[in-house]
C-alpha atoms as a PDB file:
ATOM      1  CA  MET A   1     -81.782 -63.620  39.261  1.00  0.00           C
ATOM      2  CA  SER A   2     -83.004 -66.433  36.833  1.00  0.00           C
ATOM      3  CA  ALA A   3     -80.286 -68.371  35.059  1.00  0.00           C
ATOM      4  CA  GLU A   4     -81.904 -66.867  31.538  1.00  0.00           C
ATOM      5  CA  VAL A   5     -81.303 -63.121  33.042  1.00  0.00           C
ATOM      6  CA  ALA A   6     -78.268 -63.930  34.226  1.00  0.00           C
ATOM      7  CA  GLU A   7     -76.971 -65.259  30.654  1.00  0.00           C
ATOM      8  CA  GLN A   8     -78.354 -62.430  28.855  1.00  0.00           C
ATOM      9  CA  GLU A   9     -76.161 -60.208  30.873  1.00  0.00           C
ATOM     10  CA  GLU A  10     -73.244 -61.697  29.791  1.00  0.00           C
ATOM     11  CA  ARG A  11     -74.076 -62.058  26.212  1.00  0.00           C
ATOM     12  CA  PRO A  12     -72.388 -59.823  24.283  1.00  0.00           C
ATOM     13  CA  CYS A  13     -74.067 -57.483  21.895  1.00  0.00           C
ATOM     14  CA  LEU A  14     -73.563 -59.147  18.438  1.00  0.00           C
ATOM     15  CA  HIS A  15     -73.458 -55.881  16.689  1.00  0.00           C
ATOM     16  CA  CYS A  16     -70.726 -54.707  19.263  1.00  0.00           C
ATOM     17  CA  LEU A  17     -68.815 -57.928  17.837  1.00  0.00           C
ATOM     18  CA  PHE A  18     -69.047 -57.888  14.103  1.00  0.00           C
ATOM     19  CA  VAL A  19     -67.909 -53.897  14.828  1.00  0.00           C
ATOM     20  CA  GLU A  20     -64.867 -55.235  16.521  1.00  0.00           C
ATOM     21  CA  VAL A  21     -64.350 -57.878  14.027  1.00  0.00           C
ATOM     22  CA  ILE A  22     -64.264 -55.569  11.411  1.00  0.00           C
ATOM     23  CA  ASP A  23     -61.873 -53.044  12.885  1.00  0.00           C
ATOM     24  CA  GLN A  24     -59.591 -55.880  13.811  1.00  0.00           C
ATOM     25  CA  PHE A  25     -59.714 -57.126  10.234  1.00  0.00           C
ATOM     26  CA  TYR A  26     -58.624 -53.658   9.225  1.00  0.00           C
ATOM     27  CA  ASP A  27     -56.202 -53.195  11.783  1.00  0.00           C
ATOM     28  CA  GLU A  28     -54.425 -56.278  10.514  1.00  0.00           C
ATOM     29  CA  TYR A  29     -54.755 -55.950   6.693  1.00  0.00           C
ATOM     30  CA  PRO A  30     -55.192 -52.257   6.088  1.00  0.00           C
ATOM     31  CA  ALA A  31     -57.144 -51.519   2.861  1.00  0.00           C
ATOM     32  CA  GLY A  32     -55.231 -49.162   0.818  1.00  0.00           C
ATOM     33  CA  ASP A  33     -53.307 -46.302   1.166  1.00  0.00           C
ATOM     34  CA  ASP A  34     -55.242 -44.445   3.282  1.00  0.00           C
ATOM     35  CA  ALA A  35     -55.996 -47.101   5.562  1.00  0.00           C
ATOM     36  CA  ALA A  36     -59.772 -46.698   5.623  1.00  0.00           C
ATOM     37  CA  ILE A  37     -62.595 -49.143   5.563  1.00  0.00           C
ATOM     38  CA  GLU A  38     -63.913 -50.280   2.199  1.00  0.00           C
ATOM     39  CA  THR A  39     -67.511 -50.478   2.690  1.00  0.00           C
ATOM     40  CA  GLY A  40     -68.019 -52.780  -0.536  1.00  0.00           C
ATOM     41  CA  GLU A  41     -65.832 -55.065   0.914  1.00  0.00           C
ATOM     42  CA  VAL A  42     -68.165 -55.069   4.415  1.00  0.00           C
ATOM     43  CA  ILE A  43     -71.361 -55.303   2.396  1.00  0.00           C
ATOM     44  CA  ASP A  44     -69.927 -57.875   0.105  1.00  0.00           C
ATOM     45  CA  ALA A  45     -69.464 -59.877   3.104  1.00  0.00           C
ATOM     46  CA  VAL A  46     -72.900 -58.930   5.010  1.00  0.00           C
ATOM     47  CA  ALA A  47     -74.993 -60.123   2.087  1.00  0.00           C
ATOM     48  CA  LYS A  48     -72.608 -63.264   1.859  1.00  0.00           C
ATOM     49  CA  THR A  49     -73.471 -64.234   5.620  1.00  0.00           C
ATOM     50  CA  ILE A  50     -76.970 -63.190   5.147  1.00  0.00           C
ATOM     51  CA  ALA A  51     -77.137 -65.532   2.171  1.00  0.00           C
ATOM     52  CA  GLU A  52     -75.483 -68.315   3.630  1.00  0.00           C
ATOM     53  CA  LEU A  53     -77.022 -68.089   6.789  1.00  0.00           C
ATOM     54  CA  THR A  54     -80.745 -68.613   4.588  1.00  0.00           C
ATOM     55  CA  ALA A  55     -79.624 -70.736   2.081  1.00  0.00           C
ATOM     56  CA  GLY A  56     -81.625 -73.816   3.403  1.00  0.00           C
ATOM     57  CA  GLN A  57     -84.727 -71.902   3.946  1.00  0.00           C
ATOM     58  CA  THR A  58     -87.737 -71.540   1.713  1.00  0.00           C
ATOM     59  CA  LYS A  59     -87.701 -68.609  -0.467  1.00  0.00           C
ATOM     60  CA  GLU A  60     -90.471 -67.267   1.141  1.00  0.00           C
ATOM     61  CA  VAL A  61     -88.617 -67.450   4.339  1.00  0.00           C
ATOM     62  CA  ARG A  62     -85.478 -65.989   2.359  1.00  0.00           C
ATOM     63  CA  GLN A  63     -87.489 -62.684   0.916  1.00  0.00           C
ATOM     64  CA  GLU A  64     -88.757 -62.060   4.273  1.00  0.00           C
ATOM     65  CA  MET A  65     -85.171 -61.875   5.892  1.00  0.00           C
ATOM     66  CA  ILE A  66     -84.051 -59.908   3.172  1.00  0.00           C
ATOM     67  CA  GLU A  67     -87.020 -57.363   3.292  1.00  0.00           C
ATOM     68  CA  GLN A  68     -86.786 -57.358   7.152  1.00  0.00           C
ATOM     69  CA  LEU A  69     -82.881 -56.587   6.444  1.00  0.00           C
ATOM     70  CA  MET A  70     -83.614 -53.491   4.281  1.00  0.00           C
ATOM     71  CA  GLN A  71     -86.154 -52.286   7.036  1.00  0.00           C
ATOM     72  CA  GLN A  72     -83.691 -52.830   9.534  1.00  0.00           C
ATOM     73  CA  ILE A  73     -80.716 -50.704   7.414  1.00  0.00           C
ATOM     74  CA  MET A  74     -83.385 -48.092   6.614  1.00  0.00           C
ATOM     75  CA  ALA A  75     -84.659 -47.172  10.099  1.00  0.00           C
ATOM     76  CA  TYR A  76     -81.036 -47.029  11.397  1.00  0.00           C
ATOM     77  CA  ASP A  77     -79.784 -45.188   9.064  1.00  0.00           C
ATOM     78  CA  GLY A  78     -82.449 -42.495   9.640  1.00  0.00           C
ATOM     79  CA  GLU A  79     -81.527 -42.837  13.655  1.00  0.00           C
ATOM     80  CA  PHE A  80     -78.201 -42.081  13.249  1.00  0.00           C
ATOM     81  CA  ARG A  81     -78.520 -39.296  10.771  1.00  0.00           C
ATOM     82  CA  LYS A  82     -81.142 -38.025  13.282  1.00  0.00           C
ATOM     83  CA  GLU A  83     -78.544 -38.057  16.107  1.00  0.00           C
ATOM     84  CA  ASP A  84     -75.498 -36.757  13.819  1.00  0.00           C
ATOM     85  CA  ALA A  85     -77.866 -33.718  12.876  1.00  0.00           C
ATOM     86  CA  ALA A  86     -78.621 -33.147  16.587  1.00  0.00           C
ATOM     87  CA  GLY A  87     -75.045 -32.838  16.992  1.00  0.00           C
ATOM     88  CA  THR A  88     -75.685 -36.052  19.805  1.00  0.00           C
ATOM     89  CA  GLY A  89     -73.004 -38.239  17.902  1.00  0.00           C
ATOM     90  CA  SER A  90     -73.658 -41.752  16.457  1.00  0.00           C
ATOM     91  CA  ALA A  91     -74.457 -44.541  19.319  1.00  0.00           C
ATOM     92  CA  ALA A  92     -73.421 -47.256  16.880  1.00  0.00           C
ATOM     93  CA  THR A  93     -71.636 -49.100  19.337  1.00  0.00           C
ATOM     94  CA  HIS A  94     -72.694 -49.117  22.922  1.00  0.00           C
END
């Protein structure tokens, strides 16, 4: 097995890390009385992160990344809705 393949197998899923950090944050700092995740706060954090990561890029590159993000959100939303409708549950975490 090549070093690159071994590294890829050991590399954690970035999505799963995000979900874990969000869960840990709300475990430590509950949101309101019902301890639900405040989606607005999560959306703001994602938006701020994307803006910060793209701040040094050209206007065209930033716009392309924003459009790609929107396309990915819609694609995953459709996938998760189909899974929910089929009763198979969401594969949001792996």
